[in-house]
Structures are given as C-alpha cells and as structure tokens.
Amino acid sequence: QMTLAESGGRLVQAGDSLNLSCAASGRIFNSHVMAWFRQAPGKEREFVAAIRWGTGAQYYADSVKGRFTISRDKAENTVTLQMKSLKPEDAALYSCARGNSYDTTPSSYYIWGQGTQVTVSS
C-alpha cells in the first residue's frame, strides 16, 4: 500500500495563483486515477479534478474549470494542481487520492493523503 503526501498549501490573497503537489511513496500504475478533493470546515468533501495515469485525460469540477489544471509526472510519481484566480470559496483542506477508475465521489478512492491547507483572504 502506498502513501500520499501533499504540499504547497498556504495563505494567499484573492486573485493569486498557487501550485499544490502530491508525492506517492511508490509507483502509480497506468490503470489508476489520481484525484484532488477539498473540504472546508462544516462542509462535505467535494471533487476538484482528476487525471487518468495512463492516458493523461483530465476531468474538472465546474467550479474550477478554466482556473485549475491537473498534471502528472510519471517518472517521479507526483501529481500537481495549478490554481489561478483563487477565490475565498476555494479555501479548504486539499487532499489527493488514488482510485481504480474515474469517479467524483470520495468513497470510490481508497488511498488518501493527509491534506494541505489553502487559505484565501478576501
């Protein structure tokens, strides 16, 4: 079983850009899907973006489409979330996860990182 570790979260101002990274302790296979979720205090965990490891196909929530970009480095077993034009409603704990097929529901993913906090000032 692999371990995921996120990094890059910090306090930013509305309109700023920020990159988050997720490093896996072992190999990610072509059949896997890597995804980013986020959760604000008192709210449900919500889907942000996902990428198919083998093909690189990308999927995004409507709320972040056009502002966020997900990418992967297969040699380093890392996934990155590039965020632009950040809004106060983007503030949350961002977690990466590994699943066996593409889905937007958290219960479909079996390996999770601890998360990295993104705070957006208004």
Protein backbone atom coordinates (compact mmCIF):
# COMPACT_ATOMS: atom_id res chain seq x y z
CA GLN A 1 0.00 0.00 0.00
CA MET A 2 1.43 3.38 -0.98
CA THR A 3 1.43 6.64 0.99
CA LEU A 4 0.45 10.04 -0.47
CA ALA A 5 1.85 13.34 0.80
CA GLU A 6 0.55 16.77 -0.25
CA SER A 7 2.46 20.05 -0.06
CA GLY A 8 2.24 23.68 -1.18
CA GLY A 9 -0.78 24.99 0.73
CA ARG A 10 -0.51 28.45 2.29
CA LEU A 11 -2.27 31.77 2.87
CA VAL A 12 -2.87 33.74 -0.34
CA GLN A 13 -4.93 36.75 -1.42
CA ALA A 14 -7.96 36.56 -3.70
CA GLY A 15 -6.80 36.56 -7.32
CA ASP A 16 -3.45 34.89 -6.55
CA SER A 17 -2.08 31.68 -8.08
CA LEU A 18 -0.82 28.64 -6.18
CA ASN A 19 0.53 25.17 -7.02
CA LEU A 20 -0.11 22.07 -4.92
CA SER A 21 1.88 18.83 -5.21
CA CYS A 22 1.14 15.23 -4.22
CA ALA A 23 4.00 12.74 -3.93
CA ALA A 24 3.46 8.97 -3.87
CA SER A 25 5.79 6.68 -1.93
CA GLY A 26 5.74 4.06 -4.70
CA ARG A 27 4.75 3.52 -8.32
CA ILE A 28 1.37 4.63 -9.66
CA PHE A 29 0.14 2.29 -12.39
CA ASN A 30 -1.43 3.18 -15.74
CA SER A 31 -4.78 1.73 -14.68
CA HIS A 32 -5.07 4.15 -11.74
CA VAL A 33 -6.79 7.52 -11.48
CA MET A 34 -5.38 10.30 -9.29
CA ALA A 35 -7.73 12.97 -7.98
CA TRP A 36 -7.85 16.12 -5.86
CA PHE A 37 -10.67 16.74 -3.37
CA ARG A 38 -11.22 19.62 -0.98
CA GLN A 39 -13.15 20.11 2.25
CA ALA A 40 -13.96 23.30 4.13
CA PRO A 41 -14.95 23.18 7.84
CA GLY A 42 -18.58 22.15 8.24
CA LYS A 43 -18.95 21.18 4.58
CA GLU A 44 -18.89 17.94 2.60
CA ARG A 45 -15.74 16.85 0.81
CA GLU A 46 -16.06 17.82 -2.86
CA PHE A 47 -14.38 16.72 -6.08
CA VAL A 48 -11.93 19.16 -7.68
CA ALA A 49 -10.02 17.42 -10.50
CA ALA A 50 -8.79 14.02 -11.67
CA ILE A 51 -6.32 12.57 -14.16
CA ARG A 52 -6.03 9.10 -15.70
CA TRP A 53 -2.46 7.99 -15.08
CA GLY A 54 -2.07 6.05 -18.31
CA THR A 55 -3.58 8.48 -20.84
CA GLY A 56 -3.38 11.83 -19.04
CA ALA A 57 -7.08 12.53 -19.62
CA GLN A 58 -8.23 15.34 -17.29
CA TYR A 59 -11.55 15.98 -15.52
CA TYR A 60 -12.66 19.07 -13.57
CA ALA A 61 -15.47 20.27 -11.37
CA ASP A 62 -17.48 23.08 -12.97
CA SER A 63 -16.48 25.43 -10.16
CA VAL A 64 -12.77 25.26 -11.07
CA LYS A 65 -12.87 24.62 -14.84
CA GLY A 66 -10.72 27.17 -16.68
CA ARG A 67 -8.88 28.18 -13.49
CA PHE A 68 -7.27 24.94 -12.25
CA THR A 69 -5.04 22.49 -14.16
CA ILE A 70 -4.13 18.96 -13.04
CA SER A 71 -0.97 17.29 -14.36
CA ARG A 72 1.28 14.32 -13.61
CA ASP A 73 4.97 13.37 -13.69
CA LYS A 74 5.07 9.62 -14.29
CA ALA A 75 8.82 9.35 -13.65
CA GLU A 76 8.51 10.97 -10.22
CA ASN A 77 5.07 9.57 -9.29
CA THR A 78 3.75 13.03 -8.50
CA VAL A 79 0.57 14.93 -9.37
CA THR A 80 0.26 18.73 -9.40
CA LEU A 81 -2.73 21.06 -9.12
CA GLN A 82 -2.08 24.50 -10.65
CA MET A 83 -4.60 27.04 -9.34
CA LYS A 84 -5.23 30.51 -10.80
CA SER A 85 -7.55 33.40 -9.86
CA LEU A 86 -8.19 31.99 -6.41
CA LYS A 87 -11.43 32.97 -4.69
CA PRO A 88 -12.38 32.95 -0.99
CA GLU A 89 -14.68 29.98 -1.69
CA ASP A 90 -11.61 27.97 -2.79
CA ALA A 91 -10.29 27.96 0.79
CA ALA A 92 -10.21 24.37 2.08
CA LEU A 93 -8.07 21.41 3.04
CA TYR A 94 -6.94 19.93 -0.28
CA SER A 95 -6.29 16.17 -0.39
CA CYS A 96 -5.07 13.88 -3.15
CA ALA A 97 -6.34 10.33 -3.57
CA ARG A 98 -5.86 7.22 -5.71
CA GLY A 99 -8.68 5.22 -7.26
CA ASN A 100 -9.11 2.35 -9.70
CA SER A 101 -11.45 4.21 -12.08
CA TYR A 102 -12.66 7.75 -12.69
CA ASP A 103 -15.36 8.94 -10.31
CA THR A 104 -16.29 12.15 -8.48
CA THR A 105 -17.37 10.51 -5.21
CA PRO A 106 -14.84 10.27 -2.33
CA SER A 107 -15.94 6.74 -1.41
CA SER A 108 -14.53 5.45 -4.72
CA TYR A 109 -10.97 6.31 -3.64
CA TYR A 110 -9.08 4.05 -1.24
CA ILE A 111 -5.74 5.79 -0.57
CA TRP A 112 -5.62 9.36 0.75
CA GLY A 113 -3.01 11.88 1.84
CA GLN A 114 -3.22 13.98 5.00
CA GLY A 115 -4.05 17.14 3.04
CA THR A 116 -2.59 20.63 2.69
CA GLN A 117 -4.40 23.79 3.81
CA VAL A 118 -5.21 26.58 1.37
CA THR A 119 -6.45 29.85 2.88
CA VAL A 120 -7.69 32.70 0.65
CA SER A 121 -8.09 36.15 2.17
CA SER A 122 -10.88 38.44 0.95
